Amino acid sequence: MAAHPSIWKPAATDLGKDTDLSREELLHVLDLAAKIKRTPRRYAKALEGQYASLLFEKPSLRTRLTFELAMKQLGGDAVFSIGPIAEREPVKDVARNLDRWTNVIVARTHSQRTVEELALWSRVPVVNALSDLYHPCQILADMQTVQEHLGGWEGRKLAYIGDGNNVAHSLMLTAPRLGMDLAIGCPENYRPDARVTEEALAQAAQYGTRLIVTADAGEAAAEADVVYTDVWTSMGRESESRERRLVFRPYQVNEELMSLARPEAIFLHCLPAKRGEEVTDPVIESAQSAVFDQAENRLHAQKALLLMLLG
């Protein structure tokens, strides 16, 4: 992302969207995450004396605690603020305060534009911890989990069933670059963003992988190595929840749908889950479910990301 003409920006990288990491950087982060998970004490002082600003416009369990713990377990620390980022002063002023006090800004926002404006004005790295358009930190943990359970990504098929939301977008921009085929099963009126889809199709063509978007959940899940879902109603869309429950009912991940995937397939969910809606209790509690490994890996993947940006 280009800096504002009047702002000097050091060589540090922002993570505003998934493709801000090159394929080589993506592989490096995932390799480092695996090493950190195996030998956490080796990195216990890696970010000593460094601090993260956590700016959250949305409530959080996994994202907030894993970023706080990541900084603390790497020898640094974090400060936390919740509420609208630009309510009292412009985003550009927030960024130019925080980059004087802390070494990285982690933002969980409604609008992707807020993340981009923070990065434009900040002299320290800015990390997108979730926006309406992307969820890149989640997908780093997802890919780490896939590698742990399946031994790698090349030639595997990931099926995402449900709303074409920020999680779907980040999967689309990441999985094909790691050699995974990706099938998105979603209702016609809830397909992923057209511009993101176009970018993802170009990535798939470049890396020789297959990306399809279909309204048929069974087609998406067929022979999949990974079946993934998310809530039908994301934060900020609660007024649509009744309508969405009706539209998305055929997209529930249940035992019948899981039976279409490969026998060794794993189930993923970024959590929190609404059991009985997008996933049934028998699926999320089954031996195929890797959701808590996935949640744990938020910590390790984010440690690796912070080390790459700061260390």
C-alpha atoms as a PDB file:
ATOM      1  CA  MET A   1       0.000   0.000   0.000  1.00  0.00           C
ATOM      2  CA  ALA A   2       1.437   3.356  -1.011  1.00  0.00           C
ATOM      3  CA  ALA A   3       2.115   5.860   1.756  1.00  0.00           C
ATOM      4  CA  HIS A   4       0.599   9.321   1.874  1.00  0.00           C
ATOM      5  CA  PRO A   5       2.946  11.668  -0.041  1.00  0.00           C
ATOM      6  CA  SER A   6       3.860  13.617   3.097  1.00  0.00           C
ATOM      7  CA  ILE A   7       4.480  10.543   5.274  1.00  0.00           C
ATOM      8  CA  TRP A   8       7.709   8.614   5.406  1.00  0.00           C
ATOM      9  CA  LYS A   9       6.946   4.887   5.569  1.00  0.00           C
ATOM     10  CA  PRO A  10       9.672   2.381   6.524  1.00  0.00           C
ATOM     11  CA  ALA A  11      10.049  -0.952   4.793  1.00  0.00           C
ATOM     12  CA  ALA A  12       7.766  -2.780   7.250  1.00  0.00           C
ATOM     13  CA  THR A  13       4.813  -4.541   5.632  1.00  0.00           C
ATOM     14  CA  ASP A  14       1.141  -4.063   6.462  1.00  0.00           C
ATOM     15  CA  LEU A  15      -1.380  -6.894   6.355  1.00  0.00           C
ATOM     16  CA  GLY A  16      -4.523  -5.168   5.150  1.00  0.00           C
ATOM     17  CA  LYS A  17      -5.633  -8.048   2.933  1.00  0.00           C
ATOM     18  CA  ASP A  18      -4.362 -11.541   2.295  1.00  0.00           C
ATOM     19  CA  THR A  19      -2.430 -10.740  -0.862  1.00  0.00           C
ATOM     20  CA  ASP A  20      -0.347  -8.130   0.967  1.00  0.00           C
ATOM     21  CA  LEU A  21       1.714 -11.206   1.817  1.00  0.00           C
ATOM     22  CA  SER A  22       3.492 -12.603  -1.215  1.00  0.00           C
ATOM     23  CA  ARG A  23       3.341 -16.370  -1.632  1.00  0.00           C
ATOM     24  CA  GLU A  24       6.891 -16.581  -0.293  1.00  0.00           C
ATOM     25  CA  GLU A  25       5.971 -14.504   2.769  1.00  0.00           C
ATOM     26  CA  LEU A  26       2.845 -16.599   3.287  1.00  0.00           C
ATOM     27  CA  LEU A  27       4.881 -19.794   3.278  1.00  0.00           C
ATOM     28  CA  HIS A  28       7.438 -18.204   5.603  1.00  0.00           C
ATOM     29  CA  VAL A  29       4.775 -17.193   8.131  1.00  0.00           C
ATOM     30  CA  LEU A  30       3.221 -20.660   8.107  1.00  0.00           C
ATOM     31  CA  ASP A  31       6.590 -22.358   8.499  1.00  0.00           C
ATOM     32  CA  LEU A  32       7.491 -20.016  11.360  1.00  0.00           C
ATOM     33  CA  ALA A  33       4.103 -20.624  13.019  1.00  0.00           C
ATOM     34  CA  ALA A  34       4.805 -24.354  13.064  1.00  0.00           C
ATOM     35  CA  LYS A  35       8.245 -23.779  14.592  1.00  0.00           C
ATOM     36  CA  ILE A  36       6.846 -21.442  17.259  1.00  0.00           C
ATOM     37  CA  LYS A  37       4.188 -23.992  18.170  1.00  0.00           C
ATOM     38  CA  ARG A  38       6.853 -26.695  18.608  1.00  0.00           C
ATOM     39  CA  THR A  39       9.378 -24.574  20.511  1.00  0.00           C
ATOM     40  CA  PRO A  40       7.620 -21.547  22.051  1.00  0.00           C
ATOM     41  CA  ARG A  41      10.348 -20.849  24.631  1.00  0.00           C
ATOM     42  CA  ARG A  42      12.844 -20.216  21.850  1.00  0.00           C
ATOM     43  CA  TYR A  43      10.886 -17.072  20.932  1.00  0.00           C
ATOM     44  CA  ALA A  44       9.975 -15.938  24.454  1.00  0.00           C
ATOM     45  CA  LYS A  45      11.962 -12.675  24.254  1.00  0.00           C
ATOM     46  CA  ALA A  46      11.818 -12.082  20.518  1.00  0.00           C
ATOM     47  CA  LEU A  47       9.687  -8.912  20.825  1.00  0.00           C
ATOM     48  CA  GLU A  48      10.912  -7.731  24.202  1.00  0.00           C
ATOM     49  CA  GLY A  49      10.154  -4.032  24.698  1.00  0.00           C
ATOM     50  CA  GLN A  50       7.696  -3.851  21.794  1.00  0.00           C
ATOM     51  CA  TYR A  51       4.019  -3.014  22.081  1.00  0.00           C
ATOM     52  CA  ALA A  52       0.838  -3.519  20.052  1.00  0.00           C
ATOM     53  CA  SER A  53      -2.182  -1.224  19.875  1.00  0.00           C
ATOM     54  CA  LEU A  54      -5.371  -3.287  19.600  1.00  0.00           C
ATOM     55  CA  LEU A  55      -8.207  -1.182  18.143  1.00  0.00           C
ATOM     56  CA  PHE A  56     -11.466  -3.129  18.126  1.00  0.00           C
ATOM     57  CA  GLU A  57     -14.796  -1.857  16.843  1.00  0.00           C
ATOM     58  CA  LYS A  58     -16.356  -5.320  17.263  1.00  0.00           C
ATOM     59  CA  PRO A  59     -16.483  -7.719  20.225  1.00  0.00           C
ATOM     60  CA  SER A  60     -14.006 -10.565  20.214  1.00  0.00           C
ATOM     61  CA  LEU A  61     -12.808 -13.614  22.133  1.00  0.00           C
ATOM     62  CA  ARG A  62     -10.200 -15.371  19.976  1.00  0.00           C
ATOM     63  CA  THR A  63      -8.802 -12.364  18.126  1.00  0.00           C
ATOM     64  CA  ARG A  64      -8.308 -10.125  21.141  1.00  0.00           C
ATOM     65  CA  LEU A  65      -6.925 -12.762  23.504  1.00  0.00           C
ATOM     66  CA  THR A  66      -4.626 -14.397  20.963  1.00  0.00           C
ATOM     67  CA  PHE A  67      -3.096 -11.071  19.920  1.00  0.00           C
ATOM     68  CA  GLU A  68      -2.615 -10.036  23.553  1.00  0.00           C
ATOM     69  CA  LEU A  69      -1.125 -13.411  24.435  1.00  0.00           C
ATOM     70  CA  ALA A  70       1.038 -13.430  21.314  1.00  0.00           C
ATOM     71  CA  MET A  71       2.671 -10.136  22.255  1.00  0.00           C
ATOM     72  CA  LYS A  72       3.083 -11.122  25.909  1.00  0.00           C
ATOM     73  CA  GLN A  73       4.466 -14.587  25.113  1.00  0.00           C
ATOM     74  CA  LEU A  74       6.970 -13.004  22.711  1.00  0.00           C
ATOM     75  CA  GLY A  75       8.194 -10.682  25.467  1.00  0.00           C
ATOM     76  CA  GLY A  76       6.199  -7.591  24.509  1.00  0.00           C
ATOM     77  CA  ASP A  77       2.812  -6.274  25.568  1.00  0.00           C
ATOM     78  CA  ALA A  78      -0.430  -4.846  24.191  1.00  0.00           C
ATOM     79  CA  VAL A  79      -2.869  -2.043  24.937  1.00  0.00           C
ATOM     80  CA  PHE A  80      -6.543  -2.342  24.062  1.00  0.00           C
ATOM     81  CA  SER A  81      -9.284   0.051  22.967  1.00  0.00           C
ATOM     82  CA  ILE A  82     -12.841  -0.857  22.000  1.00  0.00           C
ATOM     83  CA  GLY A  83     -15.297   1.390  20.202  1.00  0.00           C
ATOM     84  CA  PRO A  84     -15.587   3.298  16.900  1.00  0.00           C
ATOM     85  CA  ILE A  85     -12.078   4.205  15.806  1.00  0.00           C
ATOM     86  CA  ALA A  86     -12.982   7.521  14.176  1.00  0.00           C
ATOM     87  CA  GLU A  87     -15.703   8.670  16.577  1.00  0.00           C
ATOM     88  CA  ARG A  88     -13.689  11.344  18.413  1.00  0.00           C
ATOM     89  CA  GLU A  89     -11.006  12.205  15.869  1.00  0.00           C
ATOM     90  CA  PRO A  90     -10.015  11.351  12.293  1.00  0.00           C
ATOM     91  CA  VAL A  91      -8.456   7.973  11.549  1.00  0.00           C
ATOM     92  CA  LYS A  92      -5.305   9.704  10.306  1.00  0.00           C
ATOM     93  CA  ASP A  93      -4.861  11.365  13.715  1.00  0.00           C
ATOM     94  CA  VAL A  94      -5.414   8.069  15.531  1.00  0.00           C
ATOM     95  CA  ALA A  95      -2.727   6.441  13.401  1.00  0.00           C
ATOM     96  CA  ARG A  96      -0.213   9.246  13.987  1.00  0.00           C
ATOM     97  CA  ASN A  97      -0.689   9.034  17.736  1.00  0.00           C
ATOM     98  CA  LEU A  98      -0.392   5.289  17.978  1.00  0.00           C
ATOM     99  CA  ASP A  99       2.707   5.031  15.803  1.00  0.00           C
ATOM    100  CA  ARG A 100       4.494   7.284  18.342  1.00  0.00           C
ATOM    101  CA  TRP A 101       3.621   4.987  21.245  1.00  0.00           C
ATOM    102  CA  THR A 102       3.477   1.431  19.892  1.00  0.00           C
ATOM    103  CA  ASN A 103       5.200  -0.748  17.318  1.00  0.00           C
ATOM    104  CA  VAL A 104       2.197  -2.256  15.508  1.00  0.00           C
ATOM    105  CA  ILE A 105      -1.505  -1.422  15.135  1.00  0.00           C
ATOM    106  CA  VAL A 106      -3.975  -4.328  15.075  1.00  0.00           C
ATOM    107  CA  ALA A 107      -7.438  -3.228  13.946  1.00  0.00           C
ATOM    108  CA  ARG A 108     -10.733  -5.160  14.037  1.00  0.00           C
ATOM    109  CA  THR A 109     -13.113  -2.922  12.146  1.00  0.00           C
ATOM    110  CA  HIS A 110     -16.389  -2.709  10.310  1.00  0.00           C
ATOM    111  CA  SER A 111     -14.985  -1.054   7.203  1.00  0.00           C
ATOM    112  CA  GLN A 112     -11.976  -2.159   5.193  1.00  0.00           C
ATOM    113  CA  ARG A 113     -11.454   1.529   4.426  1.00  0.00           C
ATOM    114  CA  THR A 114     -10.574   2.129   8.093  1.00  0.00           C
ATOM    115  CA  VAL A 115      -7.786  -0.454   7.932  1.00  0.00           C
ATOM    116  CA  GLU A 116      -6.468   1.074   4.727  1.00  0.00           C
ATOM    117  CA  GLU A 117      -6.527   4.606   6.119  1.00  0.00           C
ATOM    118  CA  LEU A 118      -4.704   3.519   9.282  1.00  0.00           C
ATOM    119  CA  ALA A 119      -2.020   1.925   7.105  1.00  0.00           C
ATOM    120  CA  LEU A 120      -1.806   5.017   4.912  1.00  0.00           C
ATOM    121  CA  TRP A 121      -0.938   7.298   7.824  1.00  0.00           C
ATOM    122  CA  SER A 122       0.880   4.975  10.228  1.00  0.00           C
ATOM    123  CA  ARG A 123       4.656   4.625  10.229  1.00  0.00           C
ATOM    124  CA  VAL A 124       4.367   1.229  11.932  1.00  0.00           C
ATOM    125  CA  PRO A 125       2.787  -1.930  10.510  1.00  0.00           C
ATOM    126  CA  VAL A 126      -0.999  -2.195  10.503  1.00  0.00           C
ATOM    127  CA  VAL A 127      -2.691  -5.611  10.741  1.00  0.00           C
ATOM    128  CA  ASN A 128      -6.253  -6.311   9.658  1.00  0.00           C
ATOM    129  CA  ALA A 129      -7.674  -8.427  12.484  1.00  0.00           C
ATOM    130  CA  LEU A 130     -11.044  -8.528  10.653  1.00  0.00           C
ATOM    131  CA  SER A 131     -12.964  -6.155   8.429  1.00  0.00           C
ATOM    132  CA  ASP A 132     -16.173  -6.416   6.435  1.00  0.00           C
ATOM    133  CA  LEU A 133     -14.132  -7.562   3.435  1.00  0.00           C
ATOM    134  CA  TYR A 134     -11.252  -9.736   4.714  1.00  0.00           C
ATOM    135  CA  HIS A 135     -10.151 -11.884   7.654  1.00  0.00           C
ATOM    136  CA  PRO A 136      -6.501 -12.678   6.847  1.00  0.00           C
ATOM    137  CA  CYS A 137      -5.292 -13.620  10.343  1.00  0.00           C
ATOM    138  CA  GLN A 138      -8.007 -16.263  10.616  1.00  0.00           C
ATOM    139  CA  ILE A 139      -6.978 -17.838   7.349  1.00  0.00           C
ATOM    140  CA  LEU A 140      -3.325 -18.095   8.426  1.00  0.00           C
ATOM    141  CA  ALA A 141      -4.493 -20.240  11.353  1.00  0.00           C
ATOM    142  CA  ASP A 142      -6.774 -22.215   9.024  1.00  0.00           C
ATOM    143  CA  MET A 143      -3.940 -23.060   6.654  1.00  0.00           C
ATOM    144  CA  GLN A 144      -1.697 -24.059   9.560  1.00  0.00           C
ATOM    145  CA  THR A 145      -4.442 -26.407  10.763  1.00  0.00           C
ATOM    146  CA  VAL A 146      -4.890 -27.957   7.318  1.00  0.00           C
ATOM    147  CA  GLN A 147      -1.178 -28.640   7.087  1.00  0.00           C
ATOM    148  CA  GLU A 148      -1.114 -30.250  10.536  1.00  0.00           C
ATOM    149  CA  HIS A 149      -4.051 -32.561   9.839  1.00  0.00           C
ATOM    150  CA  LEU A 150      -3.537 -33.367   6.163  1.00  0.00           C
ATOM    151  CA  GLY A 151       0.215 -32.998   5.765  1.00  0.00           C
ATOM    152  CA  GLY A 152       0.070 -30.177   3.229  1.00  0.00           C
ATOM    153  CA  TRP A 153      -2.082 -28.166   0.857  1.00  0.00           C
ATOM    154  CA  GLU A 154      -1.072 -29.249  -2.650  1.00  0.00           C
ATOM    155  CA  GLY A 155      -3.803 -31.137  -4.479  1.00  0.00           C
ATOM    156  CA  ARG A 156      -6.304 -30.828  -1.629  1.00  0.00           C
ATOM    157  CA  LYS A 157      -9.855 -29.527  -1.983  1.00  0.00           C
ATOM    158  CA  LEU A 158     -11.405 -27.088   0.471  1.00  0.00           C
ATOM    159  CA  ALA A 159     -15.175 -26.610   0.448  1.00  0.00           C
ATOM    160  CA  TYR A 160     -16.565 -23.477   2.047  1.00  0.00           C
ATOM    161  CA  ILE A 161     -20.307 -23.679   2.648  1.00  0.00           C
ATOM    162  CA  GLY A 162     -22.371 -20.613   3.557  1.00  0.00           C
ATOM    163  CA  ASP A 163     -22.274 -16.842   3.255  1.00  0.00           C
ATOM    164  CA  GLY A 164     -19.840 -15.315   0.753  1.00  0.00           C
ATOM    165  CA  ASN A 165     -18.381 -13.119   3.489  1.00  0.00           C
ATOM    166  CA  ASN A 166     -14.973 -11.915   4.662  1.00  0.00           C
ATOM    167  CA  VAL A 167     -13.867 -15.451   5.605  1.00  0.00           C
ATOM    168  CA  ALA A 168     -14.821 -16.717   2.160  1.00  0.00           C
ATOM    169  CA  HIS A 169     -12.924 -13.824   0.562  1.00  0.00           C
ATOM    170  CA  SER A 170      -9.737 -14.517   2.487  1.00  0.00           C
ATOM    171  CA  LEU A 171      -9.933 -18.239   1.754  1.00  0.00           C
ATOM    172  CA  MET A 172     -10.329 -17.404  -1.940  1.00  0.00           C
ATOM    173  CA  LEU A 173      -7.203 -15.228  -1.926  1.00  0.00           C
ATOM    174  CA  THR A 174      -5.063 -17.677   0.049  1.00  0.00           C
ATOM    175  CA  ALA A 175      -5.961 -21.330  -0.596  1.00  0.00           C
ATOM    176  CA  PRO A 176      -5.289 -21.259  -4.379  1.00  0.00           C
ATOM    177  CA  ARG A 177      -1.827 -19.775  -3.801  1.00  0.00           C
ATOM    178  CA  LEU A 178      -0.991 -22.792  -1.622  1.00  0.00           C
ATOM    179  CA  GLY A 179      -2.085 -25.285  -4.265  1.00  0.00           C
ATOM    180  CA  MET A 180      -5.574 -25.984  -2.937  1.00  0.00           C
ATOM    181  CA  ASP A 181      -8.716 -26.265  -5.039  1.00  0.00           C
ATOM    182  CA  LEU A 182     -11.575 -24.270  -3.546  1.00  0.00           C
ATOM    183  CA  ALA A 183     -15.329 -24.675  -3.922  1.00  0.00           C
ATOM    184  CA  ILE A 184     -17.671 -22.051  -2.490  1.00  0.00           C
ATOM    185  CA  GLY A 185     -21.213 -23.297  -1.925  1.00  0.00           C
ATOM    186  CA  CYS A 186     -23.583 -20.390  -1.281  1.00  0.00           C
ATOM    187  CA  PRO A 187     -27.008 -19.017  -2.260  1.00  0.00           C
ATOM    188  CA  GLU A 188     -27.085 -16.982  -5.454  1.00  0.00           C
ATOM    189  CA  ASN A 189     -27.801 -13.688  -3.685  1.00  0.00           C
ATOM    190  CA  TYR A 190     -25.020 -14.217  -1.138  1.00  0.00           C
ATOM    191  CA  ARG A 191     -22.107 -14.908  -3.438  1.00  0.00           C
ATOM    192  CA  PRO A 192     -18.657 -13.473  -2.682  1.00  0.00           C
ATOM    193  CA  ASP A 193     -17.786  -9.967  -3.833  1.00  0.00           C
ATOM    194  CA  ALA A 194     -17.350  -9.863  -7.623  1.00  0.00           C
ATOM    195  CA  ARG A 195     -14.007  -8.030  -7.498  1.00  0.00           C
ATOM    196  CA  VAL A 196     -12.595 -10.451  -4.956  1.00  0.00           C
ATOM    197  CA  THR A 197     -13.831 -13.363  -7.076  1.00  0.00           C
ATOM    198  CA  GLU A 198     -12.129 -11.946 -10.164  1.00  0.00           C
ATOM    199  CA  GLU A 199      -8.850 -11.537  -8.266  1.00  0.00           C
ATOM    200  CA  ALA A 200      -9.119 -15.043  -6.810  1.00  0.00           C
ATOM    201  CA  LEU A 201      -9.805 -16.594 -10.215  1.00  0.00           C
ATOM    202  CA  ALA A 202      -6.659 -14.934 -11.549  1.00  0.00           C
ATOM    203  CA  GLN A 203      -4.678 -16.343  -8.623  1.00  0.00           C
ATOM    204  CA  ALA A 204      -6.087 -19.817  -9.240  1.00  0.00           C
ATOM    205  CA  ALA A 205      -5.148 -19.626 -12.918  1.00  0.00           C
ATOM    206  CA  GLN A 206      -1.631 -18.512 -12.012  1.00  0.00           C
ATOM    207  CA  TYR A 207      -1.082 -21.391  -9.592  1.00  0.00           C
ATOM    208  CA  GLY A 208      -2.920 -24.090 -11.516  1.00  0.00           C
ATOM    209  CA  THR A 209      -5.716 -24.584  -9.000  1.00  0.00           C
ATOM    210  CA  ARG A 210      -9.487 -24.729  -9.417  1.00  0.00           C
ATOM    211  CA  LEU A 211     -11.948 -22.238  -7.951  1.00  0.00           C
ATOM    212  CA  ILE A 212     -15.697 -22.625  -8.353  1.00  0.00           C
ATOM    213  CA  VAL A 213     -18.676 -20.790  -6.860  1.00  0.00           C
ATOM    214  CA  THR A 214     -21.873 -22.831  -6.892  1.00  0.00           C
ATOM    215  CA  ALA A 215     -25.352 -22.672  -5.393  1.00  0.00           C
ATOM    216  CA  ASP A 216     -25.204 -26.448  -4.839  1.00  0.00           C
ATOM    217  CA  ALA A 217     -23.795 -27.234  -1.381  1.00  0.00           C
ATOM    218  CA  GLY A 218     -23.465 -30.910  -2.261  1.00  0.00           C
ATOM    219  CA  GLU A 219     -21.408 -30.131  -5.368  1.00  0.00           C
ATOM    220  CA  ALA A 220     -19.098 -27.950  -3.292  1.00  0.00           C
ATOM    221  CA  ALA A 221     -18.647 -30.585  -0.564  1.00  0.00           C
ATOM    222  CA  ALA A 222     -18.164 -33.556  -2.894  1.00  0.00           C
ATOM    223  CA  GLU A 223     -14.762 -35.226  -2.368  1.00  0.00           C
ATOM    224  CA  ALA A 224     -13.541 -32.321  -0.257  1.00  0.00           C
ATOM    225  CA  ASP A 225     -10.595 -32.744   2.107  1.00  0.00           C
ATOM    226  CA  VAL A 226     -11.752 -29.800   4.229  1.00  0.00           C
ATOM    227  CA  VAL A 227     -15.322 -28.653   4.866  1.00  0.00           C
ATOM    228  CA  TYR A 228     -15.533 -25.145   6.312  1.00  0.00           C
ATOM    229  CA  THR A 229     -18.438 -22.978   7.378  1.00  0.00           C
ATOM    230  CA  ASP A 230     -19.163 -19.739   9.220  1.00  0.00           C
ATOM    231  CA  VAL A 231     -22.213 -18.120  10.791  1.00  0.00           C
ATOM    232  CA  TRP A 232     -25.028 -17.249   8.426  1.00  0.00           C
ATOM    233  CA  THR A 233     -25.405 -13.766   9.898  1.00  0.00           C
ATOM    234  CA  SER A 234     -22.199 -11.807  10.470  1.00  0.00           C
ATOM    235  CA  MET A 235     -21.869  -8.997  13.018  1.00  0.00           C
ATOM    236  CA  GLY A 236     -23.639  -5.879  11.821  1.00  0.00           C
ATOM    237  CA  ARG A 237     -26.269  -7.815   9.834  1.00  0.00           C
ATOM    238  CA  GLU A 238     -28.413  -8.971  12.737  1.00  0.00           C
ATOM    239  CA  SER A 239     -31.551  -7.401  11.207  1.00  0.00           C
ATOM    240  CA  GLU A 240     -31.262  -9.952   8.383  1.00  0.00           C
ATOM    241  CA  SER A 241     -31.008 -13.006  10.646  1.00  0.00           C
ATOM    242  CA  ARG A 242     -34.573 -14.321  10.193  1.00  0.00           C
ATOM    243  CA  GLU A 243     -34.408 -14.110   6.400  1.00  0.00           C
ATOM    244  CA  ARG A 244     -30.934 -15.612   6.343  1.00  0.00           C
ATOM    245  CA  ARG A 245     -31.962 -18.599   8.454  1.00  0.00           C
ATOM    246  CA  LEU A 246     -34.558 -19.478   5.817  1.00  0.00           C
ATOM    247  CA  VAL A 247     -32.264 -18.923   2.823  1.00  0.00           C
ATOM    248  CA  PHE A 248     -29.268 -20.748   4.271  1.00  0.00           C
ATOM    249  CA  ARG A 249     -31.062 -23.779   5.702  1.00  0.00           C
ATOM    250  CA  PRO A 250     -30.026 -26.009   2.745  1.00  0.00           C
ATOM    251  CA  TYR A 251     -26.408 -25.000   3.443  1.00  0.00           C
ATOM    252  CA  GLN A 252     -26.205 -26.447   6.933  1.00  0.00           C
ATOM    253  CA  VAL A 253     -23.115 -28.604   7.478  1.00  0.00           C
ATOM    254  CA  ASN A 254     -24.592 -31.779   8.924  1.00  0.00           C
ATOM    255  CA  GLU A 255     -23.660 -35.444   8.860  1.00  0.00           C
ATOM    256  CA  GLU A 256     -25.331 -35.926   5.485  1.00  0.00           C
ATOM    257  CA  LEU A 257     -23.305 -33.147   3.889  1.00  0.00           C
ATOM    258  CA  MET A 258     -20.074 -34.312   5.560  1.00  0.00           C
ATOM    259  CA  SER A 259     -20.657 -37.789   4.105  1.00  0.00           C
ATOM    260  CA  LEU A 260     -20.119 -36.306   0.627  1.00  0.00           C
ATOM    261  CA  ALA A 261     -16.579 -35.279   1.546  1.00  0.00           C
ATOM    262  CA  ARG A 262     -13.643 -37.655   1.720  1.00  0.00           C
ATOM    263  CA  PRO A 263     -13.696 -40.069   4.669  1.00  0.00           C
ATOM    264  CA  GLU A 264     -10.595 -38.421   6.179  1.00  0.00           C
ATOM    265  CA  ALA A 265     -11.929 -34.878   5.659  1.00  0.00           C
ATOM    266  CA  ILE A 266     -11.695 -32.382   8.494  1.00  0.00           C
ATOM    267  CA  PHE A 267     -14.292 -29.843   9.553  1.00  0.00           C
ATOM    268  CA  LEU A 268     -13.351 -26.202  10.227  1.00  0.00           C
ATOM    269  CA  HIS A 269     -15.261 -23.243  11.649  1.00  0.00           C
ATOM    270  CA  CYS A 270     -13.748 -19.875  12.580  1.00  0.00           C
ATOM    271  CA  LEU A 271     -16.060 -19.651  15.653  1.00  0.00           C
ATOM    272  CA  PRO A 272     -18.223 -18.617  17.378  1.00  0.00           C
ATOM    273  CA  ALA A 273     -20.617 -21.238  16.011  1.00  0.00           C
ATOM    274  CA  LYS A 274     -24.399 -21.174  16.143  1.00  0.00           C
ATOM    275  CA  ARG A 275     -24.960 -24.881  16.645  1.00  0.00           C
ATOM    276  CA  GLY A 276     -28.122 -26.045  14.974  1.00  0.00           C
ATOM    277  CA  GLU A 277     -27.866 -23.354  12.305  1.00  0.00           C
ATOM    278  CA  GLU A 278     -24.788 -23.443  10.039  1.00  0.00           C
ATOM    279  CA  VAL A 279     -23.456 -26.629  11.714  1.00  0.00           C
ATOM    280  CA  THR A 280     -24.981 -29.407  13.757  1.00  0.00           C
ATOM    281  CA  ASP A 281     -23.659 -30.443  17.140  1.00  0.00           C
ATOM    282  CA  PRO A 282     -22.720 -33.975  15.968  1.00  0.00           C
ATOM    283  CA  VAL A 283     -20.448 -32.483  13.281  1.00  0.00           C
ATOM    284  CA  ILE A 284     -18.689 -29.900  15.429  1.00  0.00           C
ATOM    285  CA  GLU A 285     -18.177 -32.500  18.185  1.00  0.00           C
ATOM    286  CA  SER A 286     -17.106 -35.280  15.814  1.00  0.00           C
ATOM    287  CA  ALA A 287     -13.650 -36.786  15.420  1.00  0.00           C
ATOM    288  CA  GLN A 288     -13.419 -34.944  12.083  1.00  0.00           C
ATOM    289  CA  SER A 289     -13.741 -31.561  13.762  1.00  0.00           C
ATOM    290  CA  ALA A 290     -10.511 -29.549  14.067  1.00  0.00           C
ATOM    291  CA  VAL A 291     -12.122 -26.313  15.229  1.00  0.00           C
ATOM    292  CA  PHE A 292     -10.264 -26.072  18.521  1.00  0.00           C
ATOM    293  CA  ASP A 293      -6.906 -26.843  16.905  1.00  0.00           C
ATOM    294  CA  GLN A 294      -7.865 -24.084  14.493  1.00  0.00           C
ATOM    295  CA  ALA A 295      -8.645 -21.701  17.367  1.00  0.00           C
ATOM    296  CA  GLU A 296      -5.368 -22.554  19.097  1.00  0.00           C
ATOM    297  CA  ASN A 297      -3.454 -21.855  15.921  1.00  0.00           C
ATOM    298  CA  ARG A 298      -4.679 -18.262  15.903  1.00  0.00           C
ATOM    299  CA  LEU A 299      -2.090 -17.730  18.648  1.00  0.00           C
ATOM    300  CA  HIS A 300       0.813 -19.382  16.836  1.00  0.00           C
ATOM    301  CA  ALA A 301       0.059 -17.928  13.398  1.00  0.00           C
ATOM    302  CA  GLN A 302      -0.265 -14.420  14.820  1.00  0.00           C
ATOM    303  CA  LYS A 303       2.997 -14.788  16.714  1.00  0.00           C
ATOM    304  CA  ALA A 304       4.650 -15.665  13.424  1.00  0.00           C
ATOM    305  CA  LEU A 305       3.031 -12.713  11.670  1.00  0.00           C
ATOM    306  CA  LEU A 306       4.116 -10.280  14.390  1.00  0.00           C
ATOM    307  CA  LEU A 307       7.653 -11.638  14.276  1.00  0.00           C
ATOM    308  CA  MET A 308       7.798 -11.191  10.514  1.00  0.00           C
ATOM    309  CA  LEU A 309       6.504  -7.626  10.735  1.00  0.00           C
ATOM    310  CA  LEU A 310       8.495  -6.548  13.801  1.00  0.00           C
ATOM    311  CA  GLY A 311      11.354  -8.977  14.366  1.00  0.00           C
END
